[in-house]
Amino acid sequence: MKQWTLAVLLAASTSLPLAVAAEETTWANVPVVDTMCIGKVKANPDAHKRSCALQCAKSGYGLITQDGTYLKFDEGGNEKTVAALKASKKEDHIRATVKGTREGETVKVDSITLE
């Protein structure tokens, strides 16, 4: 009886989804780059032009963390980034403060403010 109860409890516990609450994070003064250009500008993202970032908008955007990891933005973050780039007068050195929730290698962006 004990073995059967243990087996039922074990089966039930492994079938339950693990809910992990993701915390909102703020990335300050991070380079924002379009996905199309990340490979060629990762070594010097501050030289990447705003005009190029707007041309490559369909590829989506992301940020480069301090350790060099590229985190892509969700669709809402891409839209917010396009609006921020269009409103900006900066020609290069596109850095931002991004608030959002990291989900794997993607950021669900709540807000983005270009520096």
C-alpha atoms as a PDB file:
ATOM      1  CA  MET A   1       0.000   0.000   0.000  1.00  0.00           C
ATOM      2  CA  LYS A   2       2.824   2.382   0.871  1.00  0.00           C
ATOM      3  CA  GLN A   3       4.511   1.742  -2.469  1.00  0.00           C
ATOM      4  CA  TRP A   4       1.297   2.382  -4.379  1.00  0.00           C
ATOM      5  CA  THR A   5       0.677   5.669  -2.499  1.00  0.00           C
ATOM      6  CA  LEU A   6       4.257   6.726  -3.079  1.00  0.00           C
ATOM      7  CA  ALA A   7       3.959   5.942  -6.802  1.00  0.00           C
ATOM      8  CA  VAL A   8       0.739   7.979  -7.106  1.00  0.00           C
ATOM      9  CA  LEU A   9       2.263  10.941  -5.264  1.00  0.00           C
ATOM     10  CA  LEU A  10       5.403  10.795  -7.375  1.00  0.00           C
ATOM     11  CA  ALA A  11       3.403  10.650 -10.621  1.00  0.00           C
ATOM     12  CA  ALA A  12       1.207  13.561  -9.528  1.00  0.00           C
ATOM     13  CA  SER A  13       4.114  15.736  -8.478  1.00  0.00           C
ATOM     14  CA  THR A  14       6.033  15.270 -11.729  1.00  0.00           C
ATOM     15  CA  SER A  15       3.004  16.148 -13.851  1.00  0.00           C
ATOM     16  CA  LEU A  16       2.440  19.495 -12.155  1.00  0.00           C
ATOM     17  CA  PRO A  17       3.818  22.468 -14.058  1.00  0.00           C
ATOM     18  CA  LEU A  18       6.564  24.304 -12.288  1.00  0.00           C
ATOM     19  CA  ALA A  19       5.559  27.920 -11.898  1.00  0.00           C
ATOM     20  CA  VAL A  20       8.562  30.167 -11.628  1.00  0.00           C
ATOM     21  CA  ALA A  21       7.737  33.801 -11.132  1.00  0.00           C
ATOM     22  CA  ALA A  22       9.951  35.937 -13.333  1.00  0.00           C
ATOM     23  CA  GLU A  23      11.026  39.218 -11.828  1.00  0.00           C
ATOM     24  CA  GLU A  24      11.089  42.539 -13.622  1.00  0.00           C
ATOM     25  CA  THR A  25      14.645  43.623 -14.340  1.00  0.00           C
ATOM     26  CA  THR A  26      16.124  46.960 -15.356  1.00  0.00           C
ATOM     27  CA  TRP A  27      19.057  47.015 -17.766  1.00  0.00           C
ATOM     28  CA  ALA A  28      20.611  50.491 -17.667  1.00  0.00           C
ATOM     29  CA  ASN A  29      22.780  52.100 -20.350  1.00  0.00           C
ATOM     30  CA  VAL A  30      22.850  48.985 -22.549  1.00  0.00           C
ATOM     31  CA  PRO A  31      23.420  48.951 -26.313  1.00  0.00           C
ATOM     32  CA  VAL A  32      20.265  48.313 -28.343  1.00  0.00           C
ATOM     33  CA  VAL A  33      20.879  46.638 -31.704  1.00  0.00           C
ATOM     34  CA  ASP A  34      18.689  45.114 -34.385  1.00  0.00           C
ATOM     35  CA  THR A  35      18.925  41.343 -34.778  1.00  0.00           C
ATOM     36  CA  MET A  36      20.044  41.595 -38.412  1.00  0.00           C
ATOM     37  CA  CYS A  37      23.214  43.528 -37.484  1.00  0.00           C
ATOM     38  CA  ILE A  38      24.181  41.980 -34.136  1.00  0.00           C
ATOM     39  CA  GLY A  39      26.879  39.774 -35.673  1.00  0.00           C
ATOM     40  CA  LYS A  40      28.735  42.621 -37.341  1.00  0.00           C
ATOM     41  CA  VAL A  41      28.352  45.304 -34.640  1.00  0.00           C
ATOM     42  CA  LYS A  42      28.624  43.307 -31.407  1.00  0.00           C
ATOM     43  CA  ALA A  43      32.314  44.247 -30.985  1.00  0.00           C
ATOM     44  CA  ASN A  44      31.498  47.971 -31.274  1.00  0.00           C
ATOM     45  CA  PRO A  45      27.727  48.499 -30.923  1.00  0.00           C
ATOM     46  CA  ASP A  46      28.097  52.235 -30.278  1.00  0.00           C
ATOM     47  CA  ALA A  47      29.165  52.730 -33.907  1.00  0.00           C
ATOM     48  CA  HIS A  48      25.888  51.232 -35.165  1.00  0.00           C
ATOM     49  CA  LYS A  49      23.793  53.940 -36.850  1.00  0.00           C
ATOM     50  CA  ARG A  50      20.208  54.736 -35.913  1.00  0.00           C
ATOM     51  CA  SER A  51      19.327  54.842 -39.621  1.00  0.00           C
ATOM     52  CA  CYS A  52      20.550  51.249 -40.037  1.00  0.00           C
ATOM     53  CA  ALA A  53      18.634  50.120 -36.961  1.00  0.00           C
ATOM     54  CA  LEU A  54      15.452  51.603 -38.424  1.00  0.00           C
ATOM     55  CA  GLN A  55      16.100  49.990 -41.831  1.00  0.00           C
ATOM     56  CA  CYS A  56      16.470  46.586 -40.184  1.00  0.00           C
ATOM     57  CA  ALA A  57      13.380  46.943 -37.962  1.00  0.00           C
ATOM     58  CA  LYS A  58      11.713  43.831 -39.416  1.00  0.00           C
ATOM     59  CA  SER A  59      14.451  41.654 -37.913  1.00  0.00           C
ATOM     60  CA  GLY A  60      13.566  42.829 -34.399  1.00  0.00           C
ATOM     61  CA  TYR A  61      15.728  44.296 -31.661  1.00  0.00           C
ATOM     62  CA  GLY A  62      17.520  43.293 -28.521  1.00  0.00           C
ATOM     63  CA  LEU A  63      20.023  44.445 -25.952  1.00  0.00           C
ATOM     64  CA  ILE A  64      23.592  43.453 -25.218  1.00  0.00           C
ATOM     65  CA  THR A  65      24.155  42.677 -21.551  1.00  0.00           C
ATOM     66  CA  GLN A  66      27.357  43.549 -19.706  1.00  0.00           C
ATOM     67  CA  ASP A  67      28.607  39.985 -20.181  1.00  0.00           C
ATOM     68  CA  GLY A  68      28.029  40.210 -23.962  1.00  0.00           C
ATOM     69  CA  THR A  69      24.822  38.165 -24.148  1.00  0.00           C
ATOM     70  CA  TYR A  70      22.298  39.291 -26.763  1.00  0.00           C
ATOM     71  CA  LEU A  71      18.712  39.197 -25.482  1.00  0.00           C
ATOM     72  CA  LYS A  72      15.987  39.625 -28.096  1.00  0.00           C
ATOM     73  CA  PHE A  73      12.907  41.755 -27.431  1.00  0.00           C
ATOM     74  CA  ASP A  74       9.353  40.476 -27.649  1.00  0.00           C
ATOM     75  CA  GLU A  75       7.056  41.940 -30.320  1.00  0.00           C
ATOM     76  CA  GLY A  76       5.840  44.728 -28.015  1.00  0.00           C
ATOM     77  CA  GLY A  77       9.450  45.611 -27.227  1.00  0.00           C
ATOM     78  CA  ASN A  78      10.244  45.793 -30.930  1.00  0.00           C
ATOM     79  CA  GLU A  79       7.369  48.238 -31.447  1.00  0.00           C
ATOM     80  CA  LYS A  80       8.478  50.364 -28.491  1.00  0.00           C
ATOM     81  CA  THR A  81      12.042  50.402 -29.830  1.00  0.00           C
ATOM     82  CA  VAL A  82      10.948  51.591 -33.287  1.00  0.00           C
ATOM     83  CA  ALA A  83       8.956  54.430 -31.699  1.00  0.00           C
ATOM     84  CA  ALA A  84      11.914  55.418 -29.490  1.00  0.00           C
ATOM     85  CA  LEU A  85      14.341  55.335 -32.433  1.00  0.00           C
ATOM     86  CA  LYS A  86      12.024  57.460 -34.582  1.00  0.00           C
ATOM     87  CA  ALA A  87      11.702  60.023 -31.779  1.00  0.00           C
ATOM     88  CA  SER A  88      15.452  60.146 -31.151  1.00  0.00           C
ATOM     89  CA  LYS A  89      17.836  62.594 -32.805  1.00  0.00           C
ATOM     90  CA  LYS A  90      20.925  60.505 -32.000  1.00  0.00           C
ATOM     91  CA  GLU A  91      22.749  59.190 -35.039  1.00  0.00           C
ATOM     92  CA  ASP A  92      24.703  56.419 -33.249  1.00  0.00           C
ATOM     93  CA  HIS A  93      25.646  55.290 -29.728  1.00  0.00           C
ATOM     94  CA  ILE A  94      22.137  53.873 -29.278  1.00  0.00           C
ATOM     95  CA  ARG A  95      21.905  52.962 -25.619  1.00  0.00           C
ATOM     96  CA  ALA A  96      18.836  52.599 -23.476  1.00  0.00           C
ATOM     97  CA  THR A  97      17.348  51.759 -20.141  1.00  0.00           C
ATOM     98  CA  VAL A  98      15.096  48.743 -20.628  1.00  0.00           C
ATOM     99  CA  LYS A  99      12.618  47.480 -18.050  1.00  0.00           C
ATOM    100  CA  GLY A 100      11.120  44.070 -18.542  1.00  0.00           C
ATOM    101  CA  THR A 101      11.034  40.409 -17.697  1.00  0.00           C
ATOM    102  CA  ARG A 102      13.584  37.958 -19.046  1.00  0.00           C
ATOM    103  CA  GLU A 103      12.141  34.722 -20.379  1.00  0.00           C
ATOM    104  CA  GLY A 104      15.055  32.597 -21.566  1.00  0.00           C
ATOM    105  CA  GLU A 105      16.880  34.595 -24.240  1.00  0.00           C
ATOM    106  CA  THR A 106      13.960  37.001 -24.748  1.00  0.00           C
ATOM    107  CA  VAL A 107      12.946  40.123 -22.850  1.00  0.00           C
ATOM    108  CA  LYS A 108       9.271  40.956 -22.484  1.00  0.00           C
ATOM    109  CA  VAL A 109       9.752  44.728 -22.585  1.00  0.00           C
ATOM    110  CA  ASP A 110       7.644  46.935 -20.332  1.00  0.00           C
ATOM    111  CA  SER A 111       9.445  50.158 -21.235  1.00  0.00           C
ATOM    112  CA  ILE A 112      12.457  51.420 -23.146  1.00  0.00           C
ATOM    113  CA  THR A 113      14.037  54.847 -22.824  1.00  0.00           C
ATOM    114  CA  LEU A 114      16.906  55.815 -25.094  1.00  0.00           C
ATOM    115  CA  GLU A 115      19.785  57.484 -23.297  1.00  0.00           C
END
